[in-house]
Amino acid sequence: MGLHLAEIAQAVAPGAHAVLPLDQAGWHTTKKRAVPANITRLSLLARSPDLNPVENLRQFLRDNWLGNHIFKSYADILDHCCDAWNTLIDRPWRIMCIGHRDWAHVF
């Protein structure tokens, strides 16, 4: 998680600040984790996956490429997951649409 936060902090424009919505997993909420100065963690309500855009992305992947499928091996699972992810990241407009929230906007 520390490396992930560092990567996000590096991508934030100079002088800007990022708000990072996170579920309440222990590794997201621990006070032991150093958080870069240009990031604020925003804890989502417990048991509310509909507030977490990542959950919508996971569901989209399952619905479109990974669900209702019998995999032959671990390597087959990995190949299908990589193909699904690469297909999705080639469609940034789709990711923005899936993760969009009417109530979340820049002030």
Protein backbone atom coordinates (compact mmCIF):
# COMPACT_ATOMS: atom_id res chain seq x y z
CA MET A 1 0.00 0.00 0.00
CA GLY A 2 2.89 2.35 0.71
CA LEU A 3 4.26 1.95 -2.82
CA HIS A 4 0.78 2.48 -4.23
CA LEU A 5 0.36 5.72 -2.28
CA ALA A 6 3.81 6.90 -3.42
CA GLU A 7 2.87 6.20 -7.05
CA ILE A 8 -0.38 8.15 -6.71
CA ALA A 9 1.41 11.04 -4.98
CA GLN A 10 3.89 11.24 -7.84
CA ALA A 11 1.05 11.44 -10.39
CA VAL A 12 -0.70 14.34 -8.63
CA ALA A 13 -0.03 17.64 -10.39
CA PRO A 14 2.22 20.10 -8.56
CA GLY A 15 0.15 22.23 -6.21
CA ALA A 16 -2.82 19.86 -6.43
CA HIS A 17 -4.19 17.51 -3.80
CA ALA A 18 -5.73 14.05 -4.25
CA VAL A 19 -8.57 12.58 -2.23
CA LEU A 20 -8.36 8.80 -2.27
CA PRO A 21 -11.60 6.96 -1.42
CA LEU A 22 -10.83 3.67 0.33
CA ASP A 23 -12.88 0.91 1.84
CA GLN A 24 -12.28 0.02 5.46
CA ALA A 25 -9.81 -2.80 4.92
CA GLY A 26 -7.22 -2.86 7.69
CA TRP A 27 -4.33 -1.95 5.40
CA HIS A 28 -6.27 1.15 4.25
CA THR A 29 -7.15 2.42 7.72
CA THR A 30 -3.99 1.74 9.72
CA LYS A 31 -2.44 4.79 11.37
CA LYS A 32 0.99 3.18 10.91
CA ARG A 33 0.94 3.89 7.17
CA ALA A 34 2.69 7.07 6.10
CA VAL A 35 0.47 9.06 3.74
CA PRO A 36 2.10 11.58 1.38
CA ALA A 37 1.24 15.21 2.12
CA ASN A 38 -0.61 15.65 -1.19
CA ILE A 39 -3.06 12.79 -0.50
CA THR A 40 -6.02 12.61 1.87
CA ARG A 41 -7.60 9.23 2.57
CA LEU A 42 -11.40 9.21 2.55
CA SER A 43 -12.87 6.17 4.30
CA LEU A 44 -16.03 4.87 2.69
CA LEU A 45 -18.88 3.56 4.80
CA ALA A 46 -18.58 -0.06 5.85
CA ARG A 47 -20.52 -2.56 3.76
CA SER A 48 -21.17 -0.11 0.93
CA PRO A 49 -19.44 -1.45 -2.19
CA ASP A 50 -21.68 0.73 -4.37
CA LEU A 51 -19.68 3.76 -3.17
CA ASN A 52 -16.37 2.26 -4.28
CA PRO A 53 -15.81 2.68 -8.04
CA VAL A 54 -13.28 -0.17 -8.01
CA GLU A 55 -16.08 -2.57 -7.07
CA ASN A 56 -17.97 -1.45 -10.18
CA LEU A 57 -14.89 -2.12 -12.31
CA ARG A 58 -14.55 -5.60 -10.84
CA GLN A 59 -18.21 -6.30 -11.54
CA PHE A 60 -17.85 -5.01 -15.10
CA LEU A 61 -14.89 -7.36 -15.68
CA ARG A 62 -16.86 -10.30 -14.30
CA ASP A 63 -19.97 -9.45 -16.32
CA ASN A 64 -18.15 -8.97 -19.60
CA TRP A 65 -15.10 -11.22 -19.66
CA LEU A 66 -14.57 -13.32 -16.56
CA GLY A 67 -17.95 -14.55 -15.30
CA ASN A 68 -19.60 -17.87 -16.12
CA HIS A 69 -16.37 -19.34 -17.37
CA ILE A 70 -14.59 -22.57 -16.57
CA PHE A 71 -10.85 -22.13 -16.44
CA LYS A 72 -8.48 -24.99 -17.23
CA SER A 73 -5.66 -23.94 -14.93
CA TYR A 74 -4.22 -21.12 -12.87
CA ALA A 75 -2.30 -19.95 -15.95
CA ASP A 76 -5.60 -19.87 -17.87
CA ILE A 77 -7.16 -17.71 -15.14
CA LEU A 78 -4.19 -15.38 -15.22
CA ASP A 79 -4.28 -15.11 -19.02
CA HIS A 80 -8.01 -14.34 -19.05
CA CYS A 81 -7.64 -11.76 -16.27
CA CYS A 82 -4.74 -10.05 -18.04
CA ASP A 83 -6.63 -10.00 -21.35
CA ALA A 84 -9.73 -8.57 -19.65
CA TRP A 85 -7.71 -5.91 -17.82
CA ASN A 86 -5.76 -4.91 -20.95
CA THR A 87 -8.98 -4.67 -22.94
CA LEU A 88 -10.50 -2.47 -20.26
CA ILE A 89 -7.54 -0.11 -19.92
CA ASP A 90 -7.58 0.39 -23.69
CA ARG A 91 -11.03 1.96 -23.14
CA PRO A 92 -10.47 4.85 -20.71
CA TRP A 93 -13.88 6.33 -21.56
CA ARG A 94 -15.48 3.11 -20.30
CA ILE A 95 -13.54 3.29 -17.03
CA MET A 96 -14.62 6.91 -16.54
CA CYS A 97 -18.24 5.98 -17.23
CA ILE A 98 -18.19 3.01 -14.82
CA GLY A 99 -16.52 5.00 -12.05
CA HIS A 100 -18.49 8.22 -12.52
CA ARG A 101 -20.56 9.47 -9.60
CA ASP A 102 -22.91 12.44 -10.12
CA TRP A 103 -22.27 13.59 -6.58
CA ALA A 104 -18.45 13.56 -6.94
CA HIS A 105 -17.15 16.64 -8.71
CA VAL A 106 -14.40 19.24 -8.59
CA PHE A 107 -15.23 22.37 -6.61
